[in-house]
Amino acid sequence: MDSTKLVVGTPDTFDGLLAAPAEQLVVVYFWGPQCPNCEVFARDLPDLLEALPKNVTLVKTNAYEYPELARRFALFGIPGFVLFKGGTKLGMMRQYYGREYWQAVIDEKAAEGPPAQG
């Protein structure tokens, strides 16, 4: 597993991680223990990390341990994925629909240019 592509997000590090350079796609992965769908994603995670484009970082954040971070994004179920580029929120995936779908969304967003500032 590539540890440079997976970092843990906490209240102390969260905003700094989102402020990555504009070409970097940051995917915040909200999860929790004893979450069956989170376990499905976790089983796929090693393969997904291997396939991530170079400009993607996955920020793993425990929604139960840090509920204030999950509430910032109106997250009511996990797993949930919030995508950022240049500190700008691009969108969300509110559940895990499987490897192919997840990878297609990540690849598409990673290939897009930085969001327009305005």
N, C-alpha and C. Protein backbone atom coordinates (compact mmCIF):
# COMPACT_ATOMS: atom_id res chain seq x y z
N MET A 1 0.85 -1.18 0.00
CA MET A 1 0.00 0.00 0.00
C MET A 1 0.89 1.24 0.00
N ASP A 2 0.63 2.19 -0.87
CA ASP A 2 1.43 3.40 -1.00
C ASP A 2 1.03 4.41 0.07
N SER A 3 1.87 4.55 1.09
CA SER A 3 1.53 5.43 2.21
C SER A 3 1.60 6.91 1.84
N THR A 4 2.23 7.26 0.72
CA THR A 4 2.26 8.67 0.32
C THR A 4 0.92 9.10 -0.26
N LYS A 5 0.11 8.15 -0.69
CA LYS A 5 -1.20 8.47 -1.26
C LYS A 5 -2.31 8.42 -0.24
N LEU A 6 -2.02 7.89 0.96
CA LEU A 6 -3.02 7.74 2.01
C LEU A 6 -2.51 8.41 3.28
N VAL A 7 -3.25 9.42 3.74
CA VAL A 7 -2.89 10.11 4.98
C VAL A 7 -4.13 10.16 5.86
N VAL A 8 -3.91 10.30 7.16
CA VAL A 8 -5.02 10.37 8.11
C VAL A 8 -5.35 11.83 8.36
N GLY A 9 -6.63 12.15 8.27
CA GLY A 9 -7.11 13.51 8.53
C GLY A 9 -7.67 13.62 9.93
N THR A 10 -7.22 14.63 10.67
CA THR A 10 -7.72 14.93 12.01
C THR A 10 -8.10 16.41 12.04
N PRO A 11 -8.77 16.86 13.07
CA PRO A 11 -9.09 18.29 13.14
C PRO A 11 -7.84 19.19 13.04
N ASP A 12 -6.71 18.71 13.52
CA ASP A 12 -5.48 19.51 13.48
C ASP A 12 -4.87 19.58 12.09
N THR A 13 -5.07 18.55 11.26
CA THR A 13 -4.42 18.50 9.95
C THR A 13 -5.36 18.71 8.78
N PHE A 14 -6.66 18.62 9.01
CA PHE A 14 -7.66 18.55 7.96
C PHE A 14 -7.58 19.71 6.96
N ASP A 15 -7.71 20.93 7.44
CA ASP A 15 -7.75 22.08 6.52
C ASP A 15 -6.44 22.24 5.75
N GLY A 16 -5.32 21.93 6.38
CA GLY A 16 -4.04 21.98 5.68
C GLY A 16 -3.97 20.97 4.54
N LEU A 17 -4.53 19.79 4.76
CA LEU A 17 -4.54 18.77 3.71
C LEU A 17 -5.41 19.17 2.54
N LEU A 18 -6.51 19.87 2.81
CA LEU A 18 -7.40 20.30 1.73
C LEU A 18 -6.77 21.41 0.89
N ALA A 19 -5.84 22.13 1.46
CA ALA A 19 -5.21 23.26 0.77
C ALA A 19 -4.04 22.81 -0.10
N ALA A 20 -4.09 21.61 -0.62
CA ALA A 20 -3.03 21.08 -1.49
C ALA A 20 -2.95 21.92 -2.76
N PRO A 21 -1.84 21.83 -3.49
CA PRO A 21 -1.72 22.57 -4.75
C PRO A 21 -2.88 22.30 -5.70
N ALA A 22 -3.16 23.25 -6.57
CA ALA A 22 -4.34 23.21 -7.44
C ALA A 22 -4.40 21.97 -8.33
N GLU A 23 -3.24 21.41 -8.70
CA GLU A 23 -3.27 20.24 -9.57
C GLU A 23 -3.48 18.93 -8.80
N GLN A 24 -3.44 19.00 -7.48
CA GLN A 24 -3.60 17.81 -6.62
C GLN A 24 -5.08 17.59 -6.31
N LEU A 25 -5.57 16.38 -6.58
CA LEU A 25 -6.92 16.00 -6.20
C LEU A 25 -6.84 15.38 -4.81
N VAL A 26 -7.60 15.93 -3.88
CA VAL A 26 -7.66 15.40 -2.52
C VAL A 26 -9.02 14.77 -2.34
N VAL A 27 -9.03 13.49 -2.00
CA VAL A 27 -10.27 12.75 -1.78
C VAL A 27 -10.35 12.45 -0.29
N VAL A 28 -11.30 13.09 0.40
CA VAL A 28 -11.50 12.81 1.82
C VAL A 28 -12.43 11.61 1.93
N TYR A 29 -11.95 10.60 2.61
CA TYR A 29 -12.69 9.35 2.79
C TYR A 29 -13.15 9.28 4.25
N PHE A 30 -14.43 9.52 4.46
CA PHE A 30 -15.02 9.40 5.80
C PHE A 30 -15.44 7.95 6.02
N TRP A 31 -15.04 7.40 7.13
CA TRP A 31 -15.32 6.01 7.45
C TRP A 31 -15.60 5.89 8.95
N GLY A 32 -15.91 4.70 9.39
CA GLY A 32 -16.11 4.42 10.80
C GLY A 32 -15.96 2.94 11.08
N PRO A 33 -15.59 2.60 12.30
CA PRO A 33 -15.48 1.20 12.65
C PRO A 33 -16.86 0.54 12.67
N GLN A 34 -16.88 -0.73 12.39
CA GLN A 34 -18.11 -1.53 12.38
C GLN A 34 -19.12 -1.01 11.36
N CYS A 35 -18.62 -0.48 10.28
CA CYS A 35 -19.44 -0.01 9.15
C CYS A 35 -19.25 -1.02 8.02
N PRO A 36 -20.27 -1.83 7.72
CA PRO A 36 -20.10 -2.88 6.70
C PRO A 36 -19.66 -2.34 5.34
N ASN A 37 -20.23 -1.23 4.90
CA ASN A 37 -19.84 -0.69 3.60
C ASN A 37 -18.42 -0.13 3.62
N CYS A 38 -17.99 0.37 4.77
CA CYS A 38 -16.60 0.82 4.92
C CYS A 38 -15.65 -0.36 4.80
N GLU A 39 -16.06 -1.51 5.32
CA GLU A 39 -15.24 -2.71 5.24
C GLU A 39 -15.11 -3.19 3.79
N VAL A 40 -16.17 -3.05 3.01
CA VAL A 40 -16.11 -3.40 1.59
C VAL A 40 -15.09 -2.50 0.90
N PHE A 41 -15.17 -1.19 1.15
CA PHE A 41 -14.21 -0.27 0.55
C PHE A 41 -12.79 -0.60 1.02
N ALA A 42 -12.61 -0.88 2.30
CA ALA A 42 -11.28 -1.18 2.86
C ALA A 42 -10.66 -2.40 2.18
N ARG A 43 -11.48 -3.39 1.83
CA ARG A 43 -10.95 -4.56 1.12
C ARG A 43 -10.43 -4.19 -0.26
N ASP A 44 -11.08 -3.24 -0.90
CA ASP A 44 -10.67 -2.81 -2.25
C ASP A 44 -9.55 -1.77 -2.20
N LEU A 45 -9.34 -1.16 -1.05
CA LEU A 45 -8.42 -0.03 -0.94
C LEU A 45 -7.00 -0.30 -1.44
N PRO A 46 -6.36 -1.42 -1.11
CA PRO A 46 -5.00 -1.62 -1.63
C PRO A 46 -4.92 -1.54 -3.15
N ASP A 47 -5.87 -2.17 -3.83
CA ASP A 47 -5.87 -2.11 -5.30
C ASP A 47 -6.18 -0.71 -5.81
N LEU A 48 -7.11 -0.03 -5.14
CA LEU A 48 -7.46 1.33 -5.55
C LEU A 48 -6.27 2.27 -5.38
N LEU A 49 -5.54 2.13 -4.28
CA LEU A 49 -4.36 2.98 -4.06
C LEU A 49 -3.31 2.76 -5.14
N GLU A 50 -3.13 1.51 -5.53
CA GLU A 50 -2.17 1.19 -6.60
C GLU A 50 -2.54 1.87 -7.91
N ALA A 51 -3.84 1.99 -8.17
CA ALA A 51 -4.32 2.54 -9.43
C ALA A 51 -4.49 4.06 -9.42
N LEU A 52 -4.32 4.70 -8.27
CA LEU A 52 -4.52 6.15 -8.20
C LEU A 52 -3.52 6.90 -9.07
N PRO A 53 -4.00 7.90 -9.80
CA PRO A 53 -3.05 8.77 -10.51
C PRO A 53 -2.10 9.44 -9.52
N LYS A 54 -0.95 9.86 -10.01
CA LYS A 54 0.07 10.47 -9.15
C LYS A 54 -0.42 11.72 -8.42
N ASN A 55 -1.38 12.42 -9.00
CA ASN A 55 -1.82 13.69 -8.41
C ASN A 55 -3.03 13.52 -7.49
N VAL A 56 -3.20 12.34 -6.89
CA VAL A 56 -4.34 12.09 -6.00
C VAL A 56 -3.84 11.68 -4.62
N THR A 57 -4.42 12.29 -3.60
CA THR A 57 -4.17 11.92 -2.22
C THR A 57 -5.49 11.56 -1.57
N LEU A 58 -5.52 10.47 -0.83
CA LEU A 58 -6.70 10.02 -0.10
C LEU A 58 -6.49 10.37 1.37
N VAL A 59 -7.43 11.12 1.93
CA VAL A 59 -7.38 11.54 3.33
C VAL A 59 -8.42 10.74 4.10
N LYS A 60 -7.98 9.79 4.90
CA LYS A 60 -8.87 8.90 5.66
C LYS A 60 -9.22 9.57 6.98
N THR A 61 -10.53 9.80 7.20
CA THR A 61 -10.99 10.51 8.39
C THR A 61 -12.12 9.72 9.05
N ASN A 62 -11.95 9.44 10.32
CA ASN A 62 -12.93 8.69 11.08
C ASN A 62 -14.10 9.61 11.45
N ALA A 63 -15.25 9.35 10.84
CA ALA A 63 -16.43 10.20 11.05
C ALA A 63 -16.99 10.09 12.46
N TYR A 64 -16.75 8.97 13.14
CA TYR A 64 -17.24 8.80 14.51
C TYR A 64 -16.31 9.49 15.51
N GLU A 65 -15.03 9.44 15.23
CA GLU A 65 -14.05 10.08 16.12
C GLU A 65 -14.05 11.60 15.95
N TYR A 66 -14.31 12.06 14.74
CA TYR A 66 -14.31 13.50 14.43
C TYR A 66 -15.62 13.90 13.76
N PRO A 67 -16.74 13.80 14.47
CA PRO A 67 -18.04 14.09 13.85
C PRO A 67 -18.16 15.53 13.37
N GLU A 68 -17.41 16.45 13.98
CA GLU A 68 -17.47 17.84 13.53
C GLU A 68 -16.97 17.98 12.09
N LEU A 69 -16.02 17.15 11.68
CA LEU A 69 -15.54 17.19 10.30
C LEU A 69 -16.59 16.62 9.35
N ALA A 70 -17.23 15.55 9.73
CA ALA A 70 -18.28 14.96 8.88
C ALA A 70 -19.46 15.92 8.74
N ARG A 71 -19.82 16.60 9.82
CA ARG A 71 -20.96 17.54 9.77
C ARG A 71 -20.69 18.71 8.83
N ARG A 72 -19.44 19.09 8.66
CA ARG A 72 -19.11 20.19 7.74
C ARG A 72 -19.61 19.91 6.33
N PHE A 73 -19.76 18.65 5.99
CA PHE A 73 -20.15 18.26 4.64
C PHE A 73 -21.52 17.60 4.61
N ALA A 74 -22.30 17.80 5.66
CA ALA A 74 -23.66 17.23 5.75
C ALA A 74 -23.64 15.73 5.46
N LEU A 75 -22.65 15.06 6.02
CA LEU A 75 -22.51 13.63 5.83
C LEU A 75 -23.39 12.90 6.82
N PHE A 76 -24.31 12.11 6.32
CA PHE A 76 -25.23 11.38 7.19
C PHE A 76 -25.07 9.88 7.05
N GLY A 77 -24.15 9.45 6.23
CA GLY A 77 -23.88 8.03 6.06
C GLY A 77 -22.44 7.86 5.62
N ILE A 78 -21.89 6.69 5.93
CA ILE A 78 -20.52 6.40 5.54
C ILE A 78 -20.48 5.05 4.85
N PRO A 79 -19.53 4.81 3.98
CA PRO A 79 -18.46 5.73 3.65
C PRO A 79 -18.96 6.88 2.78
N GLY A 80 -18.26 7.96 2.88
CA GLY A 80 -18.54 9.14 2.08
C GLY A 80 -17.23 9.70 1.58
N PHE A 81 -17.23 10.26 0.39
CA PHE A 81 -16.02 10.76 -0.24
C PHE A 81 -16.27 12.18 -0.72
N VAL A 82 -15.41 13.11 -0.30
CA VAL A 82 -15.53 14.51 -0.71
C VAL A 82 -14.27 14.84 -1.50
N LEU A 83 -14.45 15.39 -2.70
CA LEU A 83 -13.34 15.64 -3.61
C LEU A 83 -13.01 17.13 -3.67
N PHE A 84 -11.70 17.43 -3.59
CA PHE A 84 -11.21 18.82 -3.59
C PHE A 84 -10.04 18.97 -4.55
N LYS A 85 -9.95 20.15 -5.13
CA LYS A 85 -8.77 20.56 -5.88
C LYS A 85 -8.51 22.02 -5.54
N GLY A 86 -7.29 22.33 -5.17
CA GLY A 86 -6.94 23.71 -4.83
C GLY A 86 -7.79 24.27 -3.71
N GLY A 87 -8.21 23.40 -2.78
CA GLY A 87 -9.04 23.84 -1.66
C GLY A 87 -10.50 24.04 -2.00
N THR A 88 -10.87 23.80 -3.27
CA THR A 88 -12.26 23.97 -3.72
C THR A 88 -12.95 22.62 -3.78
N LYS A 89 -14.12 22.53 -3.20
CA LYS A 89 -14.89 21.28 -3.24
C LYS A 89 -15.44 21.07 -4.64
N LEU A 90 -15.13 19.90 -5.21
CA LEU A 90 -15.61 19.56 -6.55
C LEU A 90 -16.91 18.78 -6.50
N GLY A 91 -17.09 17.99 -5.46
CA GLY A 91 -18.28 17.17 -5.37
C GLY A 91 -18.12 16.09 -4.32
N MET A 92 -19.13 15.20 -4.27
CA MET A 92 -19.15 14.13 -3.28
C MET A 92 -19.65 12.83 -3.90
N MET A 93 -19.18 11.74 -3.33
CA MET A 93 -19.77 10.43 -3.56
C MET A 93 -20.28 10.00 -2.19
N ARG A 94 -21.56 9.83 -2.05
CA ARG A 94 -22.15 9.59 -0.73
C ARG A 94 -22.15 8.13 -0.32
N GLN A 95 -21.66 7.25 -1.16
CA GLN A 95 -21.48 5.85 -0.79
C GLN A 95 -20.52 5.21 -1.77
N TYR A 96 -20.17 3.98 -1.51
CA TYR A 96 -19.22 3.25 -2.35
C TYR A 96 -20.00 2.31 -3.26
N TYR A 97 -19.95 2.59 -4.57
CA TYR A 97 -20.69 1.80 -5.55
C TYR A 97 -19.83 0.73 -6.21
N GLY A 98 -18.64 0.51 -5.72
CA GLY A 98 -17.75 -0.49 -6.31
C GLY A 98 -16.54 0.13 -6.95
N ARG A 99 -15.56 -0.73 -7.18
CA ARG A 99 -14.26 -0.29 -7.71
C ARG A 99 -14.34 0.50 -9.01
N GLU A 100 -15.07 -0.07 -9.97
CA GLU A 100 -15.08 0.55 -11.31
C GLU A 100 -15.65 1.96 -11.26
N TYR A 101 -16.76 2.12 -10.60
CA TYR A 101 -17.39 3.44 -10.51
C TYR A 101 -16.47 4.41 -9.77
N TRP A 102 -15.98 4.00 -8.61
CA TRP A 102 -15.12 4.86 -7.78
C TRP A 102 -13.89 5.30 -8.58
N GLN A 103 -13.23 4.34 -9.21
CA GLN A 103 -12.01 4.64 -9.97
C GLN A 103 -12.31 5.57 -11.14
N ALA A 104 -13.45 5.38 -11.82
CA ALA A 104 -13.80 6.23 -12.95
C ALA A 104 -14.00 7.68 -12.50
N VAL A 105 -14.68 7.89 -11.38
CA VAL A 105 -14.89 9.25 -10.87
C VAL A 105 -13.55 9.88 -10.51
N ILE A 106 -12.71 9.15 -9.80
CA ILE A 106 -11.42 9.68 -9.37
C ILE A 106 -10.56 10.00 -10.59
N ASP A 107 -10.49 9.11 -11.56
CA ASP A 107 -9.69 9.36 -12.76
C ASP A 107 -10.17 10.60 -13.50
N GLU A 108 -11.49 10.74 -13.62
CA GLU A 108 -12.06 11.90 -14.32
C GLU A 108 -11.69 13.20 -13.60
N LYS A 109 -11.88 13.24 -12.30
CA LYS A 109 -11.59 14.46 -11.54
C LYS A 109 -10.10 14.76 -11.48
N ALA A 110 -9.27 13.72 -11.42
CA ALA A 110 -7.82 13.92 -11.39
C ALA A 110 -7.32 14.51 -12.71
N ALA A 111 -7.97 14.16 -13.81
CA ALA A 111 -7.54 14.63 -15.14
C ALA A 111 -8.00 16.06 -15.42
N GLU A 112 -9.03 16.53 -14.71
CA GLU A 112 -9.52 17.89 -14.93
C GLU A 112 -8.49 18.90 -14.46
N GLY A 113 -8.51 20.06 -15.08
CA GLY A 113 -7.64 21.14 -14.65
C GLY A 113 -8.11 21.69 -13.31
N PRO A 114 -7.33 22.62 -12.75
CA PRO A 114 -7.71 23.22 -11.48
C PRO A 114 -9.05 23.95 -11.63
N PRO A 115 -9.82 24.04 -10.54
CA PRO A 115 -11.09 24.76 -10.61
C PRO A 115 -10.87 26.24 -10.87
N ALA A 116 -11.81 26.85 -11.56
CA ALA A 116 -11.74 28.29 -11.83
C ALA A 116 -11.89 29.06 -10.53
N GLN A 117 -11.08 30.04 -10.35
CA GLN A 117 -11.17 30.89 -9.15
C GLN A 117 -12.06 32.08 -9.50
N GLY A 118 -12.98 32.37 -8.61
CA GLY A 118 -13.86 33.47 -8.97
C GLY A 118 -14.64 33.91 -7.88
